[in-house]
């Protein structure tokens, strides 16, 4: 290997990258003496795949030293700052990219979605319209515009999209999928359920097949992980650490997507007391993957023993790093939807944890998911997969409630919208927090950031749940 030229080292690194052998790829790439833009770009991609934000940012900044107008590096740095919730820095990088290239559609799109998350909807609208001005076949921009304001996508535009989709000229698969989602939303607006479902079906199928990794990812959440966790957990405490979980007051919010988790999270964080909010993160999963626990889960055994003290120290340290705090006494919210898979382990680590289980009629929840394009949830693009995921969730929470009833509060979305004052009081009381009118005026907050599909709805007052709008779909999908 020592005799390989830089060119050969890059070729080997690229080959292993394509095989997802990231550590081996890095081993080759890091041996390159004179790292050019292509090498640094590939290295940064690997760190991003590994969710190693620190090293990814270091590598991207090296790219900017060689080329301060590099659009790839500027937008990736924007994305990474966004993940770290450094929104002002993210905006600066995106703005730099469109400063260097006035027709850089991705830069405008990123600025639009960032402002959408921050509630600056007029500015978001402006940037999405700029994307369309540059590229009138960017259907993801149309899709997001529809969410902000329905009438921004006119009948004339819909006709053009329909014609373009028939020819599929110069369109990648994901863009074609978004085109079908735009048409579906238009048919829903006109109450043509049959055509809405037809377009949704096309959109989901194309989107799912656009990425070969989606099949394995969906299988992981629907088959592999449930099987791994279908074991008896035995817990031991080797007392190797001094971090005391009694001082940590976690609130874990679980629920199927589109079940009201964002609303509940926002209500709690709108109260008087400062609560650290981790939002959706991978703290638990990463902590487990970085330990011997992940290896044990793959073992073909009916029961496994976990060292509580080691895992607790690891996880709490990661939360402290997330919030940039030193104190071992704090309250926080974690709304990572997939944490329910590890719920027994969580409650062993944090015996005083509060779990809020957000619930919604199963069929209504199913339709609400299918009507969206949840691009980071591969299982959400198939009817049977959605149903299976909901069933797995319900079974897991049913068993959890039997053993940990005092730790769990069920919050029905319908009840929350029909009786917001009463239900919000129950939520705050369960969390041992003081209730005030402020919690129901969350939409007045200037610091409200929302990265979920609810980021438009959360800017408004709670509106009463409408069960009737789902009745027409029974004909096409039957009972859940």
Protein backbone atom coordinates (compact mmCIF):
# COMPACT_ATOMS: atom_id res chain seq x y z
CA UNK A 1 0.00 0.00 0.00
CA UNK A 2 2.92 2.34 0.74
CA UNK A 3 3.94 2.23 -2.91
CA UNK A 4 0.56 3.39 -4.21
CA UNK A 5 0.39 6.75 -5.93
CA UNK A 6 -2.09 9.43 -4.82
CA UNK A 7 -4.19 8.56 -7.84
CA UNK A 8 -4.29 4.86 -6.91
CA UNK A 9 -5.06 5.66 -3.29
CA UNK A 10 -7.99 7.82 -4.38
CA UNK A 11 -9.29 5.06 -6.69
CA UNK A 12 -9.12 2.53 -3.85
CA UNK A 13 -10.81 4.96 -1.47
CA UNK A 14 -13.59 5.65 -3.97
CA UNK A 15 -14.14 1.95 -4.59
CA UNK A 16 -14.55 1.19 -0.88
CA UNK A 17 -16.77 4.27 -0.44
CA UNK A 18 -19.15 2.91 -3.08
CA UNK A 19 -19.25 -0.36 -1.11
CA UNK A 20 -20.04 1.62 2.09
CA UNK A 21 -16.76 0.46 3.62
CA UNK A 22 -16.13 3.91 5.05
CA UNK A 23 -13.29 3.15 7.49
CA UNK A 24 -11.30 1.32 4.82
CA UNK A 25 -12.00 4.14 2.38
CA UNK A 26 -10.73 6.72 4.88
CA UNK A 27 -7.63 4.64 5.47
CA UNK A 28 -6.71 4.97 1.78
CA UNK A 29 -7.73 8.60 1.38
CA UNK A 30 -5.88 9.83 4.46
CA UNK A 31 -2.62 8.44 3.02
CA UNK A 32 -2.86 10.80 0.06
CA UNK A 33 -0.13 13.41 0.50
CA UNK A 34 -1.49 16.13 -1.76
CA UNK A 35 -5.22 16.16 -1.12
CA UNK A 36 -7.05 17.96 -3.91
CA UNK A 37 -10.68 19.11 -3.99
CA UNK A 38 -12.02 15.71 -5.11
CA UNK A 39 -10.19 13.91 -2.31
CA UNK A 40 -11.36 16.34 0.36
CA UNK A 41 -14.92 16.22 -0.98
CA UNK A 42 -14.97 12.42 -0.74
CA UNK A 43 -13.49 12.49 2.78
CA UNK A 44 -16.12 15.01 3.89
CA UNK A 45 -18.89 12.81 2.47
CA UNK A 46 -17.63 9.89 4.54
CA UNK A 47 -17.59 11.93 7.74
CA UNK A 48 -21.11 13.14 6.97
CA UNK A 49 -22.27 9.53 6.45
CA UNK A 50 -20.68 8.62 9.79
CA UNK A 51 -22.39 11.64 11.42
CA UNK A 52 -18.94 12.85 12.48
CA UNK A 53 -19.82 16.54 12.29
CA UNK A 54 -16.55 17.80 13.79
CA UNK A 55 -14.28 16.15 11.22
CA UNK A 56 -16.72 16.85 8.40
CA UNK A 57 -16.57 20.58 9.15
CA UNK A 58 -12.76 20.52 9.39
CA UNK A 59 -12.54 18.84 5.96
CA UNK A 60 -15.08 21.17 4.35
CA UNK A 61 -13.16 24.20 5.63
CA UNK A 62 -10.02 22.78 3.99
CA UNK A 63 -11.96 22.76 0.73
CA UNK A 64 -12.79 26.44 1.23
CA UNK A 65 -9.09 27.23 1.77
CA UNK A 66 -8.43 25.82 -1.71
CA UNK A 67 -11.61 27.28 -3.21
CA UNK A 68 -13.47 29.85 -1.13
CA UNK A 69 -16.39 29.84 -3.59
CA UNK A 70 -16.92 26.07 -3.51
CA UNK A 71 -20.70 25.63 -3.54
CA UNK A 72 -20.62 22.03 -2.27
CA UNK A 73 -18.59 22.97 0.84
CA UNK A 74 -20.63 26.09 1.56
CA UNK A 75 -23.95 24.23 1.48
CA UNK A 76 -22.69 21.23 3.42
CA UNK A 77 -21.37 23.55 6.13
CA UNK A 78 -24.78 25.21 6.13
CA UNK A 79 -26.44 21.82 6.59
CA UNK A 80 -24.09 20.79 9.41
CA UNK A 81 -24.59 24.06 11.29
CA UNK A 82 -28.32 23.52 10.89
CA UNK A 83 -28.04 20.08 12.48
CA UNK A 84 -26.17 21.69 15.38
CA UNK A 85 -28.94 24.33 15.60
CA UNK A 86 -26.53 27.12 14.67
CA UNK A 87 -29.15 28.64 12.38
CA UNK A 88 -27.46 32.01 11.88
CA UNK A 89 -24.25 30.32 10.75
CA UNK A 90 -26.22 28.01 8.48
CA UNK A 91 -27.89 31.00 6.88
CA UNK A 92 -24.53 32.73 6.35
CA UNK A 93 -23.14 29.76 4.44
CA UNK A 94 -26.25 29.43 2.27
CA UNK A 95 -26.20 33.17 1.54
CA UNK A 96 -22.54 32.95 0.53
CA UNK A 97 -23.38 30.23 -1.98
CA UNK A 98 -26.01 32.34 -3.77
CA UNK A 99 -23.70 35.37 -3.56
CA UNK A 100 -21.10 33.49 -5.61
CA UNK A 101 -23.70 31.97 -7.95
CA UNK A 102 -26.91 33.96 -8.43
CA UNK A 103 -28.56 30.98 -10.15
CA UNK A 104 -27.65 28.33 -7.58
CA UNK A 105 -31.05 26.72 -7.02
CA UNK A 106 -29.91 24.46 -4.15
CA UNK A 107 -28.71 27.45 -2.15
CA UNK A 108 -32.08 29.20 -2.53
CA UNK A 109 -33.91 25.96 -1.67
CA UNK A 110 -31.87 25.54 1.52
CA UNK A 111 -32.57 29.14 2.51
CA UNK A 112 -36.27 28.58 1.85
CA UNK A 113 -36.52 25.42 3.97
CA UNK A 114 -34.42 26.99 6.76
CA UNK A 115 -36.76 29.98 6.93
CA UNK A 116 -39.77 27.67 6.79
CA UNK A 117 -38.47 25.83 9.86
CA UNK A 118 -37.91 29.14 11.65
CA UNK A 119 -41.42 30.37 10.83
CA UNK A 120 -40.32 33.08 8.39
CA UNK A 121 -42.92 31.91 5.89
CA UNK A 122 -42.97 35.01 3.66
CA UNK A 123 -39.21 34.80 3.21
CA UNK A 124 -39.45 31.05 2.65
CA UNK A 125 -42.07 31.67 -0.02
CA UNK A 126 -39.82 34.22 -1.71
CA UNK A 127 -36.88 31.79 -1.88
CA UNK A 128 -39.02 28.87 -3.13
CA UNK A 129 -40.35 31.12 -5.90
CA UNK A 130 -36.75 32.00 -6.78
CA UNK A 131 -35.93 28.29 -7.05
CA UNK A 132 -38.82 27.87 -9.49
CA UNK A 133 -37.72 30.95 -11.44
CA UNK A 134 -34.31 29.28 -11.93
CA UNK A 135 -35.69 25.78 -12.46
CA UNK A 136 -39.41 25.51 -13.20
CA UNK A 137 -39.18 21.71 -12.96
CA UNK A 138 -38.03 21.64 -9.32
CA UNK A 139 -41.20 20.01 -8.02
CA UNK A 140 -39.93 19.75 -4.44
CA UNK A 141 -40.15 23.57 -4.34
CA UNK A 142 -43.75 23.44 -5.61
CA UNK A 143 -44.56 20.77 -3.01
CA UNK A 144 -43.27 22.95 -0.17
CA UNK A 145 -44.99 26.03 -1.57
CA UNK A 146 -48.32 24.17 -1.47
CA UNK A 147 -47.80 23.56 2.22
CA UNK A 148 -47.27 27.28 2.87
CA UNK A 149 -50.08 28.52 0.67
CA UNK A 150 -52.33 26.38 -1.54
CA UNK A 151 -53.15 28.92 -4.21
CA UNK A 152 -49.49 29.59 -5.09
CA UNK A 153 -49.62 26.54 -7.38
CA UNK A 154 -52.18 27.46 -10.04
CA UNK A 155 -54.23 25.23 -12.33
CA UNK A 156 -52.05 26.34 -15.22
CA UNK A 157 -48.95 25.16 -13.32
CA UNK A 158 -50.63 21.84 -12.53
CA UNK A 159 -51.31 21.28 -16.25
CA UNK A 160 -47.66 21.93 -17.08
CA UNK A 161 -46.50 19.51 -14.38
CA UNK A 162 -48.85 16.82 -15.70
CA UNK A 163 -47.47 17.25 -19.22
CA UNK A 164 -43.84 17.20 -18.06
CA UNK A 165 -44.40 14.04 -16.02
CA UNK A 166 -45.76 12.27 -19.08
CA UNK A 167 -42.52 12.86 -20.96
CA UNK A 168 -40.15 12.63 -17.95
CA UNK A 169 -37.57 14.68 -19.82
CA UNK A 170 -34.56 15.82 -17.78
CA UNK A 171 -36.17 14.75 -14.50
CA UNK A 172 -34.59 12.59 -11.82
CA UNK A 173 -36.70 10.05 -9.95
CA UNK A 174 -37.11 12.05 -6.74
CA UNK A 175 -38.22 15.09 -8.68
CA UNK A 176 -40.74 13.00 -10.61
CA UNK A 177 -42.03 11.66 -7.28
CA UNK A 178 -42.48 15.20 -5.92
CA UNK A 179 -44.36 16.08 -9.09
CA UNK A 180 -46.87 13.34 -8.33
CA UNK A 181 -47.17 14.54 -4.72
CA UNK A 182 -47.96 18.05 -6.01
CA UNK A 183 -50.69 16.63 -8.24
CA UNK A 184 -52.05 14.55 -5.34
CA UNK A 185 -52.32 17.62 -3.12
CA UNK A 186 -54.18 19.44 -5.91
CA UNK A 187 -56.67 16.58 -6.28
CA UNK A 188 -57.17 16.52 -2.50
CA UNK A 189 -57.96 20.22 -2.60
CA UNK A 190 -60.62 19.47 -5.23
CA UNK A 191 -61.90 16.47 -3.18
CA UNK A 192 -61.07 13.99 -5.95
CA UNK A 193 -59.95 11.20 -3.60
CA UNK A 194 -59.60 8.56 -6.33
CA UNK A 195 -57.05 10.62 -8.30
CA UNK A 196 -55.31 11.79 -5.13
CA UNK A 197 -54.61 8.21 -4.08
CA UNK A 198 -53.52 7.29 -7.60
CA UNK A 199 -50.94 10.10 -7.62
CA UNK A 200 -49.82 9.36 -4.06
CA UNK A 201 -49.24 5.73 -5.00
CA UNK A 202 -47.07 6.72 -7.96
CA UNK A 203 -45.16 9.29 -5.93
CA UNK A 204 -44.39 6.92 -3.06
CA UNK A 205 -43.34 4.06 -5.31
CA UNK A 206 -41.00 6.24 -7.37
CA UNK A 207 -39.55 7.97 -4.29
CA UNK A 208 -38.91 4.63 -2.54
CA UNK A 209 -37.20 3.14 -5.60
CA UNK A 210 -35.10 6.28 -6.19
CA UNK A 211 -32.65 5.16 -3.49
CA UNK A 212 -31.43 1.53 -3.39
CA UNK A 213 -30.77 1.90 0.35
CA UNK A 214 -34.47 2.42 1.14
CA UNK A 215 -35.31 -1.27 0.99
CA UNK A 216 -32.67 -2.22 3.56
CA UNK A 217 -33.56 0.77 5.75
CA UNK A 218 -37.27 -0.11 5.78
CA UNK A 219 -36.44 -3.74 6.53
CA UNK A 220 -34.26 -2.64 9.47
CA UNK A 221 -37.12 -0.83 11.22
CA UNK A 222 -39.83 -3.36 10.33
CA UNK A 223 -37.96 -6.65 10.69
CA UNK A 224 -34.38 -6.51 11.99
CA UNK A 225 -34.71 -4.17 14.97
CA UNK A 226 -37.99 -5.60 16.34
CA UNK A 227 -36.43 -9.07 16.19
CA UNK A 228 -33.23 -7.86 17.89
CA UNK A 229 -35.19 -6.30 20.73
CA UNK A 230 -37.53 -9.23 21.23
CA UNK A 231 -35.37 -10.46 24.08
CA UNK A 232 -35.42 -10.50 27.84
CA UNK A 233 -33.16 -7.77 29.21
CA UNK A 234 -31.22 -8.39 32.40
CA UNK A 235 -29.64 -5.32 33.95
CA UNK A 236 -26.53 -5.12 36.11
CA UNK A 237 -24.83 -2.12 37.67
CA UNK A 238 -21.08 -2.33 38.01
CA UNK A 239 -21.09 1.14 39.61
CA UNK A 240 -18.10 2.36 37.62
CA UNK A 241 -19.40 5.90 37.34
CA UNK A 242 -20.63 8.60 39.68
CA UNK A 243 -23.29 10.15 37.47
CA UNK A 244 -26.59 9.90 39.29
CA UNK A 245 -29.65 9.50 37.06
CA UNK A 246 -31.89 10.64 39.94
CA UNK A 247 -30.85 14.23 39.17
CA UNK A 248 -31.78 13.89 35.49
CA UNK A 249 -35.42 14.52 34.65
CA UNK A 250 -36.06 13.33 31.09
CA UNK A 251 -39.31 13.63 29.17
CA UNK A 252 -39.49 11.25 26.23
CA UNK A 253 -42.20 11.89 23.67
CA UNK A 254 -43.18 8.91 21.55
CA UNK A 255 -45.72 8.51 18.81
CA UNK A 256 -46.32 7.51 15.22
CA UNK A 257 -45.43 10.41 12.88
CA UNK A 258 -48.37 12.80 12.48
CA UNK A 259 -49.83 11.90 15.88
CA UNK A 260 -49.26 15.24 17.64
CA UNK A 261 -45.75 14.80 19.03
CA UNK A 262 -44.57 18.20 17.75
CA UNK A 263 -47.59 19.94 19.30
CA UNK A 264 -47.02 18.28 22.69
CA UNK A 265 -43.31 19.11 22.62
CA UNK A 266 -44.09 22.75 21.79
CA UNK A 267 -46.68 23.05 24.56
CA UNK A 268 -44.22 21.79 27.18
CA UNK A 269 -41.36 24.03 26.04
CA UNK A 270 -43.65 27.09 25.99
CA UNK A 271 -44.10 27.07 29.75
CA UNK A 272 -42.31 29.14 32.39
CA UNK A 273 -39.52 26.70 33.20
CA UNK A 274 -36.48 26.39 30.94
CA UNK A 275 -36.26 22.86 29.60
CA UNK A 276 -33.42 21.68 27.42
CA UNK A 277 -34.80 20.35 24.17
CA UNK A 278 -32.90 17.72 22.21
CA UNK A 279 -35.69 17.49 19.64
CA UNK A 280 -35.18 14.49 17.38
CA UNK A 281 -31.65 13.12 17.69
CA UNK A 282 -29.63 9.90 17.60
CA UNK A 283 -28.15 10.13 21.09
CA UNK A 284 -29.53 6.84 22.37
CA UNK A 285 -28.86 4.88 19.18
CA UNK A 286 -25.31 6.25 18.84
CA UNK A 287 -24.56 5.53 22.50
CA UNK A 288 -25.66 1.94 22.04
CA UNK A 289 -23.79 1.50 18.77
CA UNK A 290 -20.60 2.80 20.37
CA UNK A 291 -20.74 0.14 23.06
CA UNK A 292 -20.80 -3.63 23.28
CA UNK A 293 -24.59 -3.51 23.64
CA UNK A 294 -25.18 -3.28 19.91
CA UNK A 295 -23.11 -6.43 19.41
CA UNK A 296 -25.09 -8.24 22.09
CA UNK A 297 -28.39 -7.35 20.43
CA UNK A 298 -27.29 -9.23 17.33
CA UNK A 299 -26.51 -12.36 19.31
CA UNK A 300 -28.94 -15.21 18.89
CA UNK A 301 -29.91 -15.39 22.56
CA UNK A 302 -33.24 -15.14 24.33
CA UNK A 303 -31.83 -12.85 27.03
CA UNK A 304 -28.93 -10.44 27.29
CA UNK A 305 -27.29 -8.64 30.22
CA UNK A 306 -26.65 -4.91 29.99
CA UNK A 307 -24.33 -2.85 32.17
CA UNK A 308 -26.61 0.00 33.25
CA UNK A 309 -23.85 2.12 34.79
CA UNK A 310 -21.71 2.14 31.65
CA UNK A 311 -24.59 2.92 29.30
CA UNK A 312 -26.09 5.56 31.60
CA UNK A 313 -22.77 7.42 31.85
CA UNK A 314 -22.35 7.32 28.08
CA UNK A 315 -25.86 8.58 27.33
CA UNK A 316 -25.95 11.31 29.98
CA UNK A 317 -22.56 12.59 28.84
CA UNK A 318 -23.89 12.82 25.29
CA UNK A 319 -26.93 14.80 26.45
CA UNK A 320 -24.70 17.14 28.46
CA UNK A 321 -22.56 17.66 25.36
CA UNK A 322 -25.70 18.29 23.26
CA UNK A 323 -26.84 21.05 25.63
CA UNK A 324 -23.33 22.38 26.35
CA UNK A 325 -23.83 22.10 30.10
CA UNK A 326 -21.66 20.80 32.93
CA UNK A 327 -24.30 20.30 35.62
CA UNK A 328 -25.54 16.78 36.23
CA UNK A 329 -28.94 18.09 37.31
CA UNK A 330 -31.27 19.16 34.52
CA UNK A 331 -34.59 18.49 32.79
CA UNK A 332 -34.75 17.75 29.09
CA UNK A 333 -37.10 16.65 26.31
CA UNK A 334 -36.21 14.05 23.72
CA UNK A 335 -38.70 13.61 20.89
CA UNK A 336 -36.80 10.97 18.92
CA UNK A 337 -39.66 8.92 17.48
CA UNK A 338 -37.71 5.65 17.28
CA UNK A 339 -36.76 5.69 20.99
CA UNK A 340 -39.87 3.61 21.69
CA UNK A 341 -37.97 0.56 20.42
CA UNK A 342 -35.61 0.95 23.40
CA UNK A 343 -38.22 2.05 25.94
CA UNK A 344 -37.50 -0.64 28.58
CA UNK A 345 -33.81 0.22 28.49
CA UNK A 346 -34.59 3.94 28.80
CA UNK A 347 -36.71 3.40 31.89
CA UNK A 348 -34.03 1.26 33.48
CA UNK A 349 -31.50 4.03 32.86
CA UNK A 350 -33.90 6.78 33.97
CA UNK A 351 -36.38 5.29 36.46
CA UNK A 352 -37.99 8.70 37.02
CA UNK A 353 -38.40 9.38 33.28
CA UNK A 354 -41.74 10.61 31.93
CA UNK A 355 -42.99 9.11 28.68
CA UNK A 356 -45.74 10.85 26.75
CA UNK A 357 -47.37 8.52 24.26
CA UNK A 358 -49.11 10.56 21.55
CA UNK A 359 -52.05 8.68 20.09
CA UNK A 360 -54.36 9.09 17.15
CA UNK A 361 -56.97 6.92 15.48
CA UNK A 362 -54.93 4.29 13.62
CA UNK A 363 -56.67 4.81 10.28
CA UNK A 364 -56.47 8.60 10.51
CA UNK A 365 -52.78 8.31 11.38
CA UNK A 366 -52.19 6.01 8.41
CA UNK A 367 -53.83 8.43 5.96
CA UNK A 368 -52.00 11.43 7.44
CA UNK A 369 -48.66 9.67 6.87
CA UNK A 370 -49.54 8.49 3.35
CA UNK A 371 -50.53 12.01 2.31
CA UNK A 372 -47.03 13.28 3.15
CA UNK A 373 -43.61 12.64 1.68
CA UNK A 374 -41.62 11.80 4.81
CA UNK A 375 -38.34 11.51 2.94
CA UNK A 376 -36.28 10.23 5.89
CA UNK A 377 -38.68 7.40 6.73
CA UNK A 378 -38.38 4.70 4.03
CA UNK A 379 -41.16 2.57 5.54
CA UNK A 380 -43.64 5.45 5.04
CA UNK A 381 -43.78 5.02 1.25
CA UNK A 382 -45.72 1.77 1.21
CA UNK A 383 -49.27 1.09 2.47
CA UNK A 384 -48.51 -2.27 4.08
CA UNK A 385 -45.27 -1.01 5.62
CA UNK A 386 -47.06 1.92 7.27
CA UNK A 387 -49.66 -0.42 8.72
CA UNK A 388 -46.97 -2.78 9.98
CA UNK A 389 -45.00 0.02 11.63
CA UNK A 390 -48.12 1.29 13.41
CA UNK A 391 -48.87 -2.25 14.62
CA UNK A 392 -45.30 -2.69 15.94
CA UNK A 393 -45.57 0.61 17.79
CA UNK A 394 -48.96 -0.17 19.33
CA UNK A 395 -47.82 -3.59 20.52
CA UNK A 396 -44.63 -2.19 22.04
CA UNK A 397 -46.44 0.59 23.92
CA UNK A 398 -49.17 -1.78 25.12
CA UNK A 399 -46.57 -4.04 26.72
CA UNK A 400 -44.68 -1.06 28.12
CA UNK A 401 -47.77 0.35 29.82
CA UNK A 402 -48.37 -2.94 31.62
CA UNK A 403 -44.99 -2.74 33.36
CA UNK A 404 -44.39 1.00 33.62
CA UNK A 405 -47.86 2.50 33.96
CA UNK A 406 -46.83 5.31 36.35
CA UNK A 407 -44.21 6.56 33.88
CA UNK A 408 -46.58 6.90 30.91
CA UNK A 409 -49.20 9.44 29.91
CA UNK A 410 -51.34 8.78 26.84
CA UNK A 411 -52.32 11.94 24.98
CA UNK A 412 -55.04 11.62 22.35
CA UNK A 413 -54.64 14.17 19.54
CA UNK A 414 -58.42 14.46 19.15
CA UNK A 415 -58.88 15.20 22.87
CA UNK A 416 -56.01 17.67 22.87
CA UNK A 417 -57.57 19.67 20.03
CA UNK A 418 -61.11 19.55 21.44
CA UNK A 419 -60.12 20.28 25.05
CA UNK A 420 -56.72 22.01 24.81
CA UNK A 421 -56.80 23.70 28.21
CA UNK A 422 -57.77 20.59 30.16
CA UNK A 423 -55.38 18.31 28.25
CA UNK A 424 -52.44 20.71 28.37
CA UNK A 425 -52.92 20.96 32.15
CA UNK A 426 -52.76 17.15 32.37
CA UNK A 427 -49.56 17.15 30.33
CA UNK A 428 -47.86 19.81 32.44
CA UNK A 429 -48.99 18.21 35.70
CA UNK A 430 -47.64 14.83 34.60
CA UNK A 431 -44.29 16.49 33.85
CA UNK A 432 -44.41 18.28 37.23
CA UNK A 433 -44.44 21.64 35.49
CA UNK A 434 -46.49 24.74 36.16
CA UNK A 435 -49.30 25.44 33.68
CA UNK A 436 -50.06 28.93 32.37
CA UNK A 437 -51.88 30.44 29.40
CA UNK A 438 -48.50 30.76 27.69
CA UNK A 439 -48.41 27.07 26.84
CA UNK A 440 -51.42 27.48 24.54
CA UNK A 441 -49.99 30.64 22.97
CA UNK A 442 -46.92 28.82 21.67
CA UNK A 443 -47.59 30.25 18.19
CA UNK A 444 -46.58 33.70 19.49
CA UNK A 445 -43.05 32.53 20.25
CA UNK A 446 -40.25 34.16 18.26
CA UNK A 447 -37.81 31.34 18.97
CA UNK A 448 -40.01 28.51 17.70
CA UNK A 449 -38.09 26.18 15.39
CA UNK A 450 -39.84 23.21 13.80
CA UNK A 451 -38.17 20.74 11.44
CA UNK A 452 -41.09 18.32 11.08
CA UNK A 453 -43.95 18.11 8.58
CA UNK A 454 -45.99 20.07 11.16
CA UNK A 455 -43.88 23.20 10.81
CA UNK A 456 -46.71 25.14 9.13
CA UNK A 457 -49.54 23.98 11.43
CA UNK A 458 -47.54 24.72 14.57
CA UNK A 459 -47.54 28.43 13.69
CA UNK A 460 -51.30 28.62 14.29
CA UNK A 461 -53.73 28.15 17.17
CA UNK A 462 -54.92 24.65 17.93
CA UNK A 463 -57.81 23.85 15.60
CA UNK A 464 -60.50 21.29 16.32
CA UNK A 465 -59.88 17.77 15.08
CA UNK A 466 -61.83 16.85 11.95
CA UNK A 467 -62.63 13.12 11.84
CA UNK A 468 -65.02 13.43 8.90
CA UNK A 469 -62.30 14.26 6.37
CA UNK A 470 -61.00 10.68 6.63
CA UNK A 471 -64.32 8.94 5.95
CA UNK A 472 -63.99 9.11 2.16
CA UNK A 473 -60.73 7.12 2.30
CA UNK A 474 -62.35 4.07 3.90
CA UNK A 475 -63.66 3.03 0.50
CA UNK A 476 -60.11 2.72 -0.84
CA UNK A 477 -58.22 1.30 2.13
CA UNK A 478 -60.89 -0.35 4.28
CA UNK A 479 -60.53 -0.65 8.03
CA UNK A 480 -57.12 -0.59 9.65
